Structure formats: structure tokens, C-alpha cells
PDB file of N, CA and C in Angstrom:
ATOM      1  N   PHE A   1       0.844  -1.212   0.000  1.00  0.00           N
ATOM      2  CA  PHE A   1       0.000   0.000   0.000  1.00  0.00           C
ATOM      3  C   PHE A   1       0.874   1.256   0.000  1.00  0.00           C
ATOM      4  N   PHE A   2       1.902   1.226   0.832  1.00  0.00           N
ATOM      5  CA  PHE A   2       2.766   2.416   0.922  1.00  0.00           C
ATOM      6  C   PHE A   2       3.389   2.743  -0.431  1.00  0.00           C
ATOM      7  N   ALA A   3       3.879   1.703  -1.116  1.00  0.00           N
ATOM      8  CA  ALA A   3       4.532   1.921  -2.419  1.00  0.00           C
ATOM      9  C   ALA A   3       3.530   2.535  -3.401  1.00  0.00           C
ATOM     10  N   ILE A   4       2.319   1.999  -3.417  1.00  0.00           N
ATOM     11  CA  ILE A   4       1.290   2.510  -4.350  1.00  0.00           C
ATOM     12  C   ILE A   4       0.981   3.971  -4.014  1.00  0.00           C
ATOM     13  N   ASP A   5       0.819   4.282  -2.730  1.00  0.00           N
ATOM     14  CA  ASP A   5       0.522   5.659  -2.327  1.00  0.00           C
ATOM     15  C   ASP A   5       1.660   6.585  -2.746  1.00  0.00           C
ATOM     16  N   PHE A   6       2.894   6.135  -2.530  1.00  0.00           N
ATOM     17  CA  PHE A   6       4.059   6.970  -2.883  1.00  0.00           C
ATOM     18  C   PHE A   6       4.068   7.264  -4.378  1.00  0.00           C
ATOM     19  N   VAL A   7       3.854   6.229  -5.192  1.00  0.00           N
ATOM     20  CA  VAL A   7       3.857   6.406  -6.657  1.00  0.00           C
ATOM     21  C   VAL A   7       2.716   7.324  -7.071  1.00  0.00           C
ATOM     22  N   GLY A   8       1.553   7.119  -6.476  1.00  0.00           N
ATOM     23  CA  GLY A   8       0.395   7.960  -6.814  1.00  0.00           C
ATOM     24  C   GLY A   8       0.669   9.422  -6.501  1.00  0.00           C
ATOM     25  N   MET A   9       1.212   9.693  -5.310  1.00  0.00           N
ATOM     26  CA  MET A   9       1.507  11.085  -4.935  1.00  0.00           C
ATOM     27  C   MET A   9       2.568  11.661  -5.868  1.00  0.00           C
ATOM     28  N   ALA A  10       3.562  10.865  -6.225  1.00  0.00           N
ATOM     29  CA  ALA A  10       4.632  11.342  -7.115  1.00  0.00           C
ATOM     30  C   ALA A  10       4.037  11.723  -8.471  1.00  0.00           C
ATOM     31  N   MET A  11       3.122  10.904  -8.983  1.00  0.00           N
ATOM     32  CA  MET A  11       2.503  11.192 -10.288  1.00  0.00           C
ATOM     33  C   MET A  11       1.667  12.469 -10.201  1.00  0.00           C
ATOM     34  N   ILE A  12       0.926  12.638  -9.094  1.00  0.00           N
ATOM     35  CA  ILE A  12       0.099  13.844  -8.921  1.00  0.00           C
ATOM     36  C   ILE A  12       1.003  15.071  -8.866  1.00  0.00           C
ATOM     37  N   LEU A  13       2.087  15.000  -8.096  1.00  0.00           N
ATOM     38  CA  LEU A  13       3.010  16.141  -7.986  1.00  0.00           C
ATOM     39  C   LEU A  13       3.605  16.458  -9.349  1.00  0.00           C
ATOM     40  N   ALA A  14       3.991  15.435 -10.096  1.00  0.00           N
ATOM     41  CA  ALA A  14       4.580  15.644 -11.427  1.00  0.00           C
ATOM     42  C   ALA A  14       3.566  16.323 -12.337  1.00  0.00           C
ATOM     43  N   ALA A  15       2.304  15.897 -12.283  1.00  0.00           N
ATOM     44  CA  ALA A  15       1.258  16.492 -13.126  1.00  0.00           C
ATOM     45  C   ALA A  15       1.083  17.963 -12.766  1.00  0.00           C
ATOM     46  N   VAL A  16       1.041  18.276 -11.474  1.00  0.00           N
ATOM     47  CA  VAL A  16       0.871  19.666 -11.028  1.00  0.00           C
ATOM     48  C   VAL A  16       2.044  20.515 -11.511  1.00  0.00           C
ATOM     49  N   VAL A  17       3.254  19.992 -11.387  1.00  0.00           N
ATOM     50  CA  VAL A  17       4.442  20.742 -11.823  1.00  0.00           C
ATOM     51  C   VAL A  17       4.383  20.990 -13.325  1.00  0.00           C
ATOM     52  N   LEU A  18       4.035  19.963 -14.094  1.00  0.00           N
ATOM     53  CA  LEU A  18       3.970  20.118 -15.560  1.00  0.00           C
ATOM     54  C   LEU A  18       2.945  21.182 -15.931  1.00  0.00           C
ATOM     55  N   ILE A  19       1.776  21.166 -15.275  1.00  0.00           N
ATOM     56  CA  ILE A  19       0.721  22.154 -15.582  1.00  0.00           C
ATOM     57  C   ILE A  19       1.218  23.554 -15.244  1.00  0.00           C
ATOM     58  N   SER A  20       1.839  23.727 -14.078  1.00  0.00           N
ATOM     59  CA  SER A  20       2.324  25.055 -13.681  1.00  0.00           C
ATOM     60  C   SER A  20       3.412  25.537 -14.642  1.00  0.00           C
ATOM     61  N   VAL A  21       4.293  24.642 -15.058  1.00  0.00           N
ATOM     62  CA  VAL A  21       5.370  25.025 -15.988  1.00  0.00           C
ATOM     63  C   VAL A  21       4.775  25.445 -17.328  1.00  0.00           C
ATOM     64  N   LYS A  22       3.791  24.690 -17.816  1.00  0.00           N
ATOM     65  CA  LYS A  22       3.159  25.028 -19.104  1.00  0.00           C
ATOM     66  C   LYS A  22       2.523  26.414 -19.016  1.00  0.00           C
ATOM     67  N   ASP A  23       1.855  26.702 -17.886  1.00  0.00           N
ATOM     68  CA  ASP A  23       1.218  28.017 -17.726  1.00  0.00           C
ATOM     69  C   ASP A  23       2.283  29.108 -17.751  1.00  0.00           C
ATOM     70  N   LEU A  24       3.409  28.892 -17.064  1.00  0.00           N
ATOM     71  CA  LEU A  24       4.476  29.903 -17.030  1.00  0.00           C
ATOM     72  C   LEU A  24       5.017  30.127 -18.434  1.00  0.00           C
ATOM     73  N   ILE A  25       5.218  29.063 -19.187  1.00  0.00           N
ATOM     74  CA  ILE A  25       5.748  29.187 -20.558  1.00  0.00           C
ATOM     75  C   ILE A  25       4.764  29.980 -21.417  1.00  0.00           C
ATOM     76  N   LYS A  26       3.460  29.690 -21.285  1.00  0.00           N
ATOM     77  CA  LYS A  26       2.455  30.422 -22.072  1.00  0.00           C
ATOM     78  C   LYS A  26       2.516  31.906 -21.731  1.00  0.00           C
ATOM     79  N   GLU A  27       2.607  32.241 -20.437  1.00  0.00           N
ATOM     80  CA  GLU A  27       2.657  33.648 -20.023  1.00  0.00           C
ATOM     81  C   GLU A  27       3.910  34.317 -20.584  1.00  0.00           C
ATOM     82  N   ARG A  28       5.050  33.650 -20.514  1.00  0.00           N
ATOM     83  CA  ARG A  28       6.300  34.235 -21.017  1.00  0.00           C
ATOM     84  C   ARG A  28       6.212  34.450 -22.526  1.00  0.00           C
ATOM     85  N   ARG A  29       5.642  33.482 -23.254  1.00  0.00           N
ATOM     86  CA  ARG A  29       5.509  33.616 -24.714  1.00  0.00           C
ATOM     87  C   ARG A  29       4.619  34.812 -25.040  1.00  0.00           C
ATOM     88  N   LYS A  30       3.524  34.971 -24.302  1.00  0.00           N
ATOM     89  CA  LYS A  30       2.617  36.102 -24.544  1.00  0.00           C
ATOM     90  C   LYS A  30       3.370  37.412 -24.334  1.00  0.00           C
ATOM     91  N   LYS A  31       4.138  37.491 -23.244  1.00  0.00           N
ATOM     92  CA  LYS A  31       4.897  38.720 -22.947  1.00  0.00           C
ATOM     93  C   LYS A  31       5.918  38.974 -24.058  1.00  0.00           C
ATOM     94  N   GLU A  32       6.630  37.936 -24.483  1.00  0.00           N
ATOM     95  CA  GLU A  32       7.646  38.098 -25.539  1.00  0.00           C
ATOM     96  C   GLU A  32       6.989  38.573 -26.834  1.00  0.00           C
ATOM     97  N   LYS A  33       5.869  37.950 -27.206  1.00  0.00           N
ATOM     98  CA  LYS A  33       5.168  38.350 -28.436  1.00  0.00           C
ATOM     99  C   LYS A  33       4.745  39.813 -28.319  1.00  0.00           C
ATOM    100  N   GLY A  34       4.220  40.191 -27.158  1.00  0.00           N
ATOM    101  CA  GLY A  34       3.780  41.574 -26.962  1.00  0.00           C
ATOM    102  C   GLY A  34       4.945  42.535 -27.137  1.00  0.00           C
ATOM    103  N   VAL A  35       6.099  42.199 -26.567  1.00  0.00           N
ATOM    104  CA  VAL A  35       7.269  43.079 -26.669  1.00  0.00           C
ATOM    105  C   VAL A  35       7.728  43.171 -28.120  1.00  0.00           C
ATOM    106  N   ILE A  36       7.764  42.034 -28.810  1.00  0.00           N
ATOM    107  CA  ILE A  36       8.230  42.021 -30.210  1.00  0.00           C
ATOM    108  C   ILE A  36       7.279  42.852 -31.081  1.00  0.00           C
ATOM    109  N   GLU A  37       5.966  42.641 -30.907  1.00  0.00           N
ATOM    110  CA  GLU A  37       4.982  43.361 -31.727  1.00  0.00           C
ATOM    111  C   GLU A  37       4.973  44.831 -31.315  1.00  0.00           C
TER     112      GLU A  37
END
């Protein structure tokens, strides 16, 4: 049970990190496009 819980939490944390990183990249791209235009 412990191993399954650990893997599950690790996958959830990884998903949250990926989503937050994608949002940051989108915001940076928008800012860069705005500056260029």
C-alpha cells in the first residue's frame, strides 16, 4: 500500500508541476510576443 501511495503522490506532484510550468511558458511567450509586436 505504501509503495502505491508513494507512486500515486509522485505522479500527482509531477502532473501539477507540468501544468504550472506550461502556464508559465504560455505567459512568457505572450509577454515576448507583446514586446516584439
